[in-house]
Every structure is written in structure tokens, then in C-alpha cells.
Amino acid sequence: EYTKKITDNSRNYDIGSGNKTVKNEVPISGSPLNALNAAGVSAITVVSGSPLIGKHTSTNTKLQRFTFSKKLTKSVLEQGSLQLKFTSTYDIDITLQLSFPSLIHKTTKQVFKKTINFSSTNKTPVIPATDLKDYEIDFTHNGTAYNTTTNSFSVISTISLDIKAGNSIRKSDKISYELQLTNMKNEVVYGDFEQESFSLASNTVSFPKALSNKNFVFNNPQ
């Protein structure tokens, strides 16, 4: 096996043939869910003096596996767009913090993050699209650490419920989100392309015609 880098400005190698979508639901959890279970009910109204009054925070990780023909580890984007869509069924004030370990700024190396606020009157906040020309996608994050997998995209969501007296809480409450990566074009794609055939002789390397005019980097060649 070997790892190579393909530079291809004329087409999107393997990942740009269509939009890539990540969908997830963040259900109610923690103390609010425990209170519902303890009472044996599907919904409650919070009364004055209830221990539920205050902020309750929980974290959820979504790992999306993309189906590629190769084992991709990174894509440096030349262009692309990130669109986020949200729906909340809660009737309370919520702050949702999203962290994308798989989406990294090319220069600062900072992970892309977004904070979204919900309320009883704002259950489907509109988020402007993000231009991804300054980002790269790391496909090796498994939700916990880098360099552990391939073809993966992870999203970590932290939800904070600000519960007040008079609020209603239901077991069915959740926040749903959809992430769309669109119009992607790559400067460079990294990965393990072990199925390609190469002819090696002396100091000459012959590549298949289909891979001509590409730039290759070999790691630890034998």
C-alpha cells in the first residue's frame, strides 16, 4: 500500500460528483429526560421551584461515513459551500454549539464551529451559507481522535437548555439538523489508492495513462 496526493484542477476526484449530506437528531437527554422517566409521563410543565429550572447541557457526536471508491484521508478544497438547516420542537430557549473536527481552516488550522440560538418563536433559524474555499476536509476523525479512520466526517453538538418556570418539556423534543456540502472542487486529494497499478523499473516510474498530469507524493516507499 502507498499514500499519494493527486492534484487535479479539471475534475473533482471521487468526492465532488454530488452534494454530500450529514443529517442528525439531538434528542432530549440528561436531567430533563430523567425527570420525565421518573414521573412516568411523556410531558411535564415546569413549576416554580422545580430543580429543572436552570441550564442543562449535553453533548452528541455524529459520525458520517461517506461512500468513496478510495480510502480518502484529506481533501484541500478549491471551492465549495456549507449549508446548515435546523428544526427544533422545543418550546424553550436553547443554545446549540456545533464543532466540525473534519472541517479545518487551511491557514489557521482551526476547526470550524457555529453557534445557533433557538426559542419558542424561532424554531427554524436561518444560517447563511459558508464559503469553503479556505477549508480542507479531514476524513480521518472518528468522533474522538484524528488518524483513526478514512472517508468519515464528524460533527460534535453541544446543546444547552435554559429551562424556566412555565416551560413545557416533552420526551419527543429534539433538534434536527442537516448539513450540506455542495459545489465542491478540490485542489488536492490525499488517500490510499491501493487498487491503482504502477510499473516500477530502476529509477523509472510508469503511471497508467488515466493518471497522467497528476502530482504524486509517496510516503515511506520501499
C-alpha atoms as a PDB file:
ATOM      1  CA  GLU A   1       0.000   0.000   0.000  1.00  0.00           C
ATOM      2  CA  TYR A   2       1.037   3.581  -0.502  1.00  0.00           C
ATOM      3  CA  THR A   3      -0.309   7.047   0.005  1.00  0.00           C
ATOM      4  CA  LYS A   4      -0.380   9.590  -2.778  1.00  0.00           C
ATOM      5  CA  LYS A   5      -1.579  13.069  -3.383  1.00  0.00           C
ATOM      6  CA  ILE A   6      -3.498  13.890  -6.543  1.00  0.00           C
ATOM      7  CA  THR A   7      -3.630  17.451  -7.851  1.00  0.00           C
ATOM      8  CA  ASP A   8      -6.436  17.795 -10.336  1.00  0.00           C
ATOM      9  CA  ASN A   9      -7.990  21.114 -11.252  1.00  0.00           C
ATOM     10  CA  SER A  10     -10.016  19.696 -14.127  1.00  0.00           C
ATOM     11  CA  ARG A  11     -12.340  17.434 -12.157  1.00  0.00           C
ATOM     12  CA  ASN A  12     -13.398  16.519  -8.646  1.00  0.00           C
ATOM     13  CA  TYR A  13     -11.657  13.260  -7.815  1.00  0.00           C
ATOM     14  CA  ASP A  14     -14.238  10.988  -6.225  1.00  0.00           C
ATOM     15  CA  ILE A  15     -15.880  13.452  -3.831  1.00  0.00           C
ATOM     16  CA  GLY A  16     -17.440  16.189  -5.920  1.00  0.00           C
ATOM     17  CA  SER A  17     -19.862  14.232  -8.094  1.00  0.00           C
ATOM     18  CA  GLY A  18     -22.783  15.393  -5.962  1.00  0.00           C
ATOM     19  CA  ASN A  19     -23.777  17.052  -2.721  1.00  0.00           C
ATOM     20  CA  LYS A  20     -22.643  15.376   0.483  1.00  0.00           C
ATOM     21  CA  THR A  21     -25.220  15.459   3.265  1.00  0.00           C
ATOM     22  CA  VAL A  22     -24.971  14.811   7.003  1.00  0.00           C
ATOM     23  CA  LYS A  23     -28.228  14.516   8.961  1.00  0.00           C
ATOM     24  CA  ASN A  24     -28.624  14.135  12.705  1.00  0.00           C
ATOM     25  CA  GLU A  25     -31.126  14.462  15.528  1.00  0.00           C
ATOM     26  CA  VAL A  26     -30.175  15.627  19.018  1.00  0.00           C
ATOM     27  CA  PRO A  27     -32.856  14.247  21.384  1.00  0.00           C
ATOM     28  CA  ILE A  28     -33.685  15.409  24.894  1.00  0.00           C
ATOM     29  CA  SER A  29     -31.344  13.859  27.488  1.00  0.00           C
ATOM     30  CA  GLY A  30     -29.840  14.326  30.939  1.00  0.00           C
ATOM     31  CA  SER A  31     -31.855  15.680  33.864  1.00  0.00           C
ATOM     32  CA  PRO A  32     -34.935  16.722  31.845  1.00  0.00           C
ATOM     33  CA  LEU A  33     -35.285  13.216  30.384  1.00  0.00           C
ATOM     34  CA  ASN A  34     -34.622  11.647  33.803  1.00  0.00           C
ATOM     35  CA  ALA A  35     -37.416  13.750  35.324  1.00  0.00           C
ATOM     36  CA  LEU A  36     -39.861  12.594  32.640  1.00  0.00           C
ATOM     37  CA  ASN A  37     -38.877   8.965  33.155  1.00  0.00           C
ATOM     38  CA  ALA A  38     -39.125   9.232  36.936  1.00  0.00           C
ATOM     39  CA  ALA A  39     -42.622  10.701  36.676  1.00  0.00           C
ATOM     40  CA  GLY A  40     -43.654   8.101  34.117  1.00  0.00           C
ATOM     41  CA  VAL A  41     -45.024  10.751  31.788  1.00  0.00           C
ATOM     42  CA  SER A  42     -44.295  11.908  28.252  1.00  0.00           C
ATOM     43  CA  ALA A  43     -44.570  15.633  29.036  1.00  0.00           C
ATOM     44  CA  ILE A  44     -44.420  17.972  32.012  1.00  0.00           C
ATOM     45  CA  THR A  45     -44.818  21.672  32.711  1.00  0.00           C
ATOM     46  CA  VAL A  46     -42.051  23.095  34.871  1.00  0.00           C
ATOM     47  CA  VAL A  47     -43.385  24.721  38.031  1.00  0.00           C
ATOM     48  CA  SER A  48     -41.781  27.390  40.186  1.00  0.00           C
ATOM     49  CA  GLY A  49     -39.094  25.958  42.460  1.00  0.00           C
ATOM     50  CA  SER A  50     -38.517  22.881  40.258  1.00  0.00           C
ATOM     51  CA  PRO A  51     -34.926  21.566  40.260  1.00  0.00           C
ATOM     52  CA  LEU A  52     -35.171  21.543  36.465  1.00  0.00           C
ATOM     53  CA  ILE A  53     -35.048  25.334  36.347  1.00  0.00           C
ATOM     54  CA  GLY A  54     -31.681  26.449  35.004  1.00  0.00           C
ATOM     55  CA  LYS A  55     -29.305  25.356  32.264  1.00  0.00           C
ATOM     56  CA  HIS A  56     -28.780  21.727  31.267  1.00  0.00           C
ATOM     57  CA  THR A  57     -26.017  20.775  28.833  1.00  0.00           C
ATOM     58  CA  SER A  58     -25.401  17.563  26.896  1.00  0.00           C
ATOM     59  CA  THR A  59     -23.111  16.518  24.034  1.00  0.00           C
ATOM     60  CA  ASN A  60     -23.821  14.365  20.999  1.00  0.00           C
ATOM     61  CA  THR A  61     -21.408  13.100  18.325  1.00  0.00           C
ATOM     62  CA  LYS A  62     -22.408  12.248  14.759  1.00  0.00           C
ATOM     63  CA  LEU A  63     -20.026  10.255  12.559  1.00  0.00           C
ATOM     64  CA  GLN A  64     -20.984  10.155   8.889  1.00  0.00           C
ATOM     65  CA  ARG A  65     -19.306   7.581   6.658  1.00  0.00           C
ATOM     66  CA  PHE A  66     -19.098   8.654   3.015  1.00  0.00           C
ATOM     67  CA  THR A  67     -19.045   6.056   0.258  1.00  0.00           C
ATOM     68  CA  PHE A  68     -15.973   6.702  -1.875  1.00  0.00           C
ATOM     69  CA  SER A  69     -14.244   4.324  -4.267  1.00  0.00           C
ATOM     70  CA  LYS A  70     -10.934   5.059  -2.470  1.00  0.00           C
ATOM     71  CA  LYS A  71      -9.819   5.420   1.139  1.00  0.00           C
ATOM     72  CA  LEU A  72      -9.607   9.202   1.397  1.00  0.00           C
ATOM     73  CA  THR A  73      -7.848  10.950   4.261  1.00  0.00           C
ATOM     74  CA  LYS A  74      -7.977  14.630   3.258  1.00  0.00           C
ATOM     75  CA  SER A  75      -9.319  16.977   0.610  1.00  0.00           C
ATOM     76  CA  VAL A  76      -7.976  20.514   0.235  1.00  0.00           C
ATOM     77  CA  LEU A  77     -10.860  22.479  -1.256  1.00  0.00           C
ATOM     78  CA  GLU A  78     -10.599  24.964  -4.075  1.00  0.00           C
ATOM     79  CA  GLN A  79     -14.277  25.817  -3.762  1.00  0.00           C
ATOM     80  CA  GLY A  80     -17.404  24.625  -2.000  1.00  0.00           C
ATOM     81  CA  SER A  81     -20.280  25.700   0.198  1.00  0.00           C
ATOM     82  CA  LEU A  82     -21.580  24.600   3.600  1.00  0.00           C
ATOM     83  CA  GLN A  83     -25.305  24.977   4.217  1.00  0.00           C
ATOM     84  CA  LEU A  84     -26.894  24.243   7.615  1.00  0.00           C
ATOM     85  CA  LYS A  85     -30.626  23.724   8.208  1.00  0.00           C
ATOM     86  CA  PHE A  86     -32.235  23.341  11.634  1.00  0.00           C
ATOM     87  CA  THR A  87     -35.588  22.457  13.166  1.00  0.00           C
ATOM     88  CA  SER A  88     -36.429  22.453  16.890  1.00  0.00           C
ATOM     89  CA  THR A  89     -39.528  21.046  18.578  1.00  0.00           C
ATOM     90  CA  TYR A  90     -38.647  22.600  21.958  1.00  0.00           C
ATOM     91  CA  ASP A  91     -40.673  25.474  23.422  1.00  0.00           C
ATOM     92  CA  ILE A  92     -37.710  26.752  25.458  1.00  0.00           C
ATOM     93  CA  ASP A  93     -34.583  28.801  24.867  1.00  0.00           C
ATOM     94  CA  ILE A  94     -31.700  26.708  23.544  1.00  0.00           C
ATOM     95  CA  THR A  95     -28.108  27.308  22.521  1.00  0.00           C
ATOM     96  CA  LEU A  96     -26.629  24.746  20.132  1.00  0.00           C
ATOM     97  CA  GLN A  97     -22.873  24.719  19.570  1.00  0.00           C
ATOM     98  CA  LEU A  98     -21.623  22.713  16.614  1.00  0.00           C
ATOM     99  CA  SER A  99     -17.982  21.739  16.177  1.00  0.00           C
ATOM    100  CA  PHE A 100     -16.707  20.150  12.958  1.00  0.00           C
ATOM    101  CA  PRO A 101     -13.382  18.360  13.625  1.00  0.00           C
ATOM    102  CA  SER A 102     -13.393  17.257   9.988  1.00  0.00           C
ATOM    103  CA  LEU A 103     -13.564  20.820   8.631  1.00  0.00           C
ATOM    104  CA  ILE A 104     -10.333  22.744   9.194  1.00  0.00           C
ATOM    105  CA  HIS A 105      -9.188  26.200   8.067  1.00  0.00           C
ATOM    106  CA  LYS A 106      -6.198  25.941   5.736  1.00  0.00           C
ATOM    107  CA  THR A 107      -4.234  28.787   7.326  1.00  0.00           C
ATOM    108  CA  THR A 108      -5.209  28.935  10.990  1.00  0.00           C
ATOM    109  CA  LYS A 109      -5.812  25.156  11.315  1.00  0.00           C
ATOM    110  CA  GLN A 110      -8.818  25.980  13.471  1.00  0.00           C
ATOM    111  CA  VAL A 111     -11.787  23.629  13.490  1.00  0.00           C
ATOM    112  CA  PHE A 112     -14.964  25.144  12.040  1.00  0.00           C
ATOM    113  CA  LYS A 113     -17.558  25.990  14.721  1.00  0.00           C
ATOM    114  CA  LYS A 114     -21.006  27.508  14.703  1.00  0.00           C
ATOM    115  CA  THR A 115     -23.365  28.642  17.496  1.00  0.00           C
ATOM    116  CA  ILE A 116     -27.127  28.692  16.892  1.00  0.00           C
ATOM    117  CA  ASN A 117     -29.812  30.077  19.194  1.00  0.00           C
ATOM    118  CA  PHE A 118     -33.382  28.760  19.333  1.00  0.00           C
ATOM    119  CA  SER A 119     -36.510  29.958  21.122  1.00  0.00           C
ATOM    120  CA  SER A 120     -40.224  29.181  21.185  1.00  0.00           C
ATOM    121  CA  THR A 121     -40.669  31.758  18.418  1.00  0.00           C
ATOM    122  CA  ASN A 122     -37.541  30.854  16.461  1.00  0.00           C
ATOM    123  CA  LYS A 123     -37.530  27.107  15.866  1.00  0.00           C
ATOM    124  CA  THR A 124     -36.029  27.136  12.367  1.00  0.00           C
ATOM    125  CA  PRO A 125     -33.203  29.716  12.426  1.00  0.00           C
ATOM    126  CA  VAL A 126     -31.754  30.612   9.031  1.00  0.00           C
ATOM    127  CA  ILE A 127     -27.965  30.303   8.814  1.00  0.00           C
ATOM    128  CA  PRO A 128     -26.103  31.936   5.895  1.00  0.00           C
ATOM    129  CA  ALA A 129     -24.075  29.541   3.745  1.00  0.00           C
ATOM    130  CA  THR A 130     -20.321  29.334   4.458  1.00  0.00           C
ATOM    131  CA  ASP A 131     -17.771  29.573   1.631  1.00  0.00           C
ATOM    132  CA  LEU A 132     -15.354  26.642   1.969  1.00  0.00           C
ATOM    133  CA  LYS A 133     -12.577  27.822  -0.363  1.00  0.00           C
ATOM    134  CA  ASP A 134     -10.315  28.403   2.660  1.00  0.00           C
ATOM    135  CA  TYR A 135     -11.006  24.992   4.214  1.00  0.00           C
ATOM    136  CA  GLU A 136      -9.884  21.395   3.960  1.00  0.00           C
ATOM    137  CA  ILE A 137     -11.744  18.245   4.928  1.00  0.00           C
ATOM    138  CA  ASP A 138     -10.006  15.731   7.181  1.00  0.00           C
ATOM    139  CA  PHE A 139     -11.676  12.348   6.686  1.00  0.00           C
ATOM    140  CA  THR A 140      -9.693  10.614   9.476  1.00  0.00           C
ATOM    141  CA  HIS A 141     -11.567  11.838  12.585  1.00  0.00           C
ATOM    142  CA  ASN A 142     -13.744   9.147  14.192  1.00  0.00           C
ATOM    143  CA  GLY A 143     -15.584  11.487  16.572  1.00  0.00           C
ATOM    144  CA  THR A 144     -12.820  11.259  19.172  1.00  0.00           C
ATOM    145  CA  ALA A 145      -9.405  11.444  17.518  1.00  0.00           C
ATOM    146  CA  TYR A 146      -7.663  12.035  14.191  1.00  0.00           C
ATOM    147  CA  ASN A 147      -5.823   9.463  12.065  1.00  0.00           C
ATOM    148  CA  THR A 148      -8.158   6.661  13.125  1.00  0.00           C
ATOM    149  CA  THR A 149     -10.338   6.110  10.040  1.00  0.00           C
ATOM    150  CA  THR A 150     -10.984   7.178   6.431  1.00  0.00           C
ATOM    151  CA  ASN A 151     -13.928   8.557   4.424  1.00  0.00           C
ATOM    152  CA  SER A 152     -15.525   9.940   7.596  1.00  0.00           C
ATOM    153  CA  PHE A 153     -16.975  13.307   8.626  1.00  0.00           C
ATOM    154  CA  SER A 154     -17.649  14.058  12.303  1.00  0.00           C
ATOM    155  CA  VAL A 155     -19.860  16.651  13.953  1.00  0.00           C
ATOM    156  CA  ILE A 156     -19.944  17.290  17.717  1.00  0.00           C
ATOM    157  CA  SER A 157     -23.027  19.093  19.031  1.00  0.00           C
ATOM    158  CA  THR A 158     -23.382  20.596  22.499  1.00  0.00           C
ATOM    159  CA  ILE A 159     -26.917  21.594  23.430  1.00  0.00           C
ATOM    160  CA  SER A 160     -27.736  23.861  26.375  1.00  0.00           C
ATOM    161  CA  LEU A 161     -31.360  24.052  27.544  1.00  0.00           C
ATOM    162  CA  ASP A 162     -32.318  27.172  29.514  1.00  0.00           C
ATOM    163  CA  ILE A 163     -35.386  25.929  31.392  1.00  0.00           C
ATOM    164  CA  LYS A 164     -37.715  28.382  33.129  1.00  0.00           C
ATOM    165  CA  ALA A 165     -40.891  28.039  35.164  1.00  0.00           C
ATOM    166  CA  GLY A 166     -43.857  27.564  32.872  1.00  0.00           C
ATOM    167  CA  ASN A 167     -41.861  25.794  30.138  1.00  0.00           C
ATOM    168  CA  SER A 168     -43.204  22.529  28.751  1.00  0.00           C
ATOM    169  CA  ILE A 169     -40.824  19.602  28.186  1.00  0.00           C
ATOM    170  CA  ARG A 170     -41.677  16.533  26.126  1.00  0.00           C
ATOM    171  CA  LYS A 171     -39.915  13.205  25.594  1.00  0.00           C
ATOM    172  CA  SER A 172     -40.303  13.741  21.872  1.00  0.00           C
ATOM    173  CA  ASP A 173     -38.422  17.066  21.933  1.00  0.00           C
ATOM    174  CA  LYS A 174     -35.339  17.219  19.724  1.00  0.00           C
ATOM    175  CA  ILE A 175     -33.287  19.399  17.433  1.00  0.00           C
ATOM    176  CA  SER A 176     -32.769  18.113  13.906  1.00  0.00           C
ATOM    177  CA  TYR A 177     -30.084  19.445  11.616  1.00  0.00           C
ATOM    178  CA  GLU A 178     -28.959  18.865   8.068  1.00  0.00           C
ATOM    179  CA  LEU A 179     -25.502  19.772   6.800  1.00  0.00           C
ATOM    180  CA  GLN A 180     -24.941  20.010   3.041  1.00  0.00           C
ATOM    181  CA  LEU A 181     -21.555  20.236   1.350  1.00  0.00           C
ATOM    182  CA  THR A 182     -22.184  21.482  -2.181  1.00  0.00           C
ATOM    183  CA  ASN A 183     -20.276  22.524  -5.334  1.00  0.00           C
ATOM    184  CA  MET A 184     -17.040  21.027  -4.031  1.00  0.00           C
ATOM    185  CA  LYS A 185     -13.919  21.209  -6.166  1.00  0.00           C
ATOM    186  CA  ASN A 186     -10.564  20.009  -4.855  1.00  0.00           C
ATOM    187  CA  GLU A 187      -7.064  21.385  -5.137  1.00  0.00           C
ATOM    188  CA  VAL A 188      -5.567  18.212  -3.686  1.00  0.00           C
ATOM    189  CA  VAL A 189      -6.923  14.869  -2.524  1.00  0.00           C
ATOM    190  CA  TYR A 190      -4.968  12.614  -0.160  1.00  0.00           C
ATOM    191  CA  GLY A 191      -5.655   8.958   0.423  1.00  0.00           C
ATOM    192  CA  ASP A 192      -4.780   5.325  -0.018  1.00  0.00           C
ATOM    193  CA  PHE A 193      -5.307   4.380  -3.659  1.00  0.00           C
ATOM    194  CA  GLU A 194      -4.025   0.820  -3.341  1.00  0.00           C
ATOM    195  CA  GLN A 195      -6.077  -0.515  -6.241  1.00  0.00           C
ATOM    196  CA  GLU A 196      -4.205   1.516  -8.868  1.00  0.00           C
ATOM    197  CA  SER A 197      -1.431  -0.369 -10.696  1.00  0.00           C
ATOM    198  CA  PHE A 198       2.085   1.030 -11.082  1.00  0.00           C
ATOM    199  CA  SER A 199       5.029  -0.299 -13.048  1.00  0.00           C
ATOM    200  CA  LEU A 200       8.389   0.189 -11.306  1.00  0.00           C
ATOM    201  CA  ALA A 201      11.719  -0.392 -13.055  1.00  0.00           C
ATOM    202  CA  SER A 202      15.094   1.011 -11.971  1.00  0.00           C
ATOM    203  CA  ASN A 203      14.630   4.745 -11.479  1.00  0.00           C
ATOM    204  CA  THR A 204      11.638   4.923 -13.823  1.00  0.00           C
ATOM    205  CA  VAL A 205       8.043   5.045 -12.645  1.00  0.00           C
ATOM    206  CA  SER A 206       5.352   4.407 -15.253  1.00  0.00           C
ATOM    207  CA  PHE A 207       1.844   5.513 -14.382  1.00  0.00           C
ATOM    208  CA  PRO A 208      -1.387   4.488 -16.088  1.00  0.00           C
ATOM    209  CA  LYS A 209      -2.394   6.917 -18.829  1.00  0.00           C
ATOM    210  CA  ALA A 210      -5.545   7.861 -16.923  1.00  0.00           C
ATOM    211  CA  LEU A 211      -3.366   9.264 -14.133  1.00  0.00           C
ATOM    212  CA  SER A 212      -1.104  11.400 -16.299  1.00  0.00           C
ATOM    213  CA  ASN A 213      -0.515  15.053 -15.419  1.00  0.00           C
ATOM    214  CA  LYS A 214      -1.028  14.401 -11.722  1.00  0.00           C
ATOM    215  CA  ASN A 215       1.313  15.146  -8.812  1.00  0.00           C
ATOM    216  CA  PHE A 216       2.223  12.223  -6.548  1.00  0.00           C
ATOM    217  CA  VAL A 217       3.797  12.034  -3.114  1.00  0.00           C
ATOM    218  CA  PHE A 218       4.866   8.616  -1.755  1.00  0.00           C
ATOM    219  CA  ASN A 219       5.216   8.010   1.961  1.00  0.00           C
ATOM    220  CA  ASN A 220       7.918   5.572   3.054  1.00  0.00           C
ATOM    221  CA  PRO A 221       8.464   3.973  -0.374  1.00  0.00           C
ATOM    222  CA  GLN A 222      10.058   0.517  -0.247  1.00  0.00           C
END
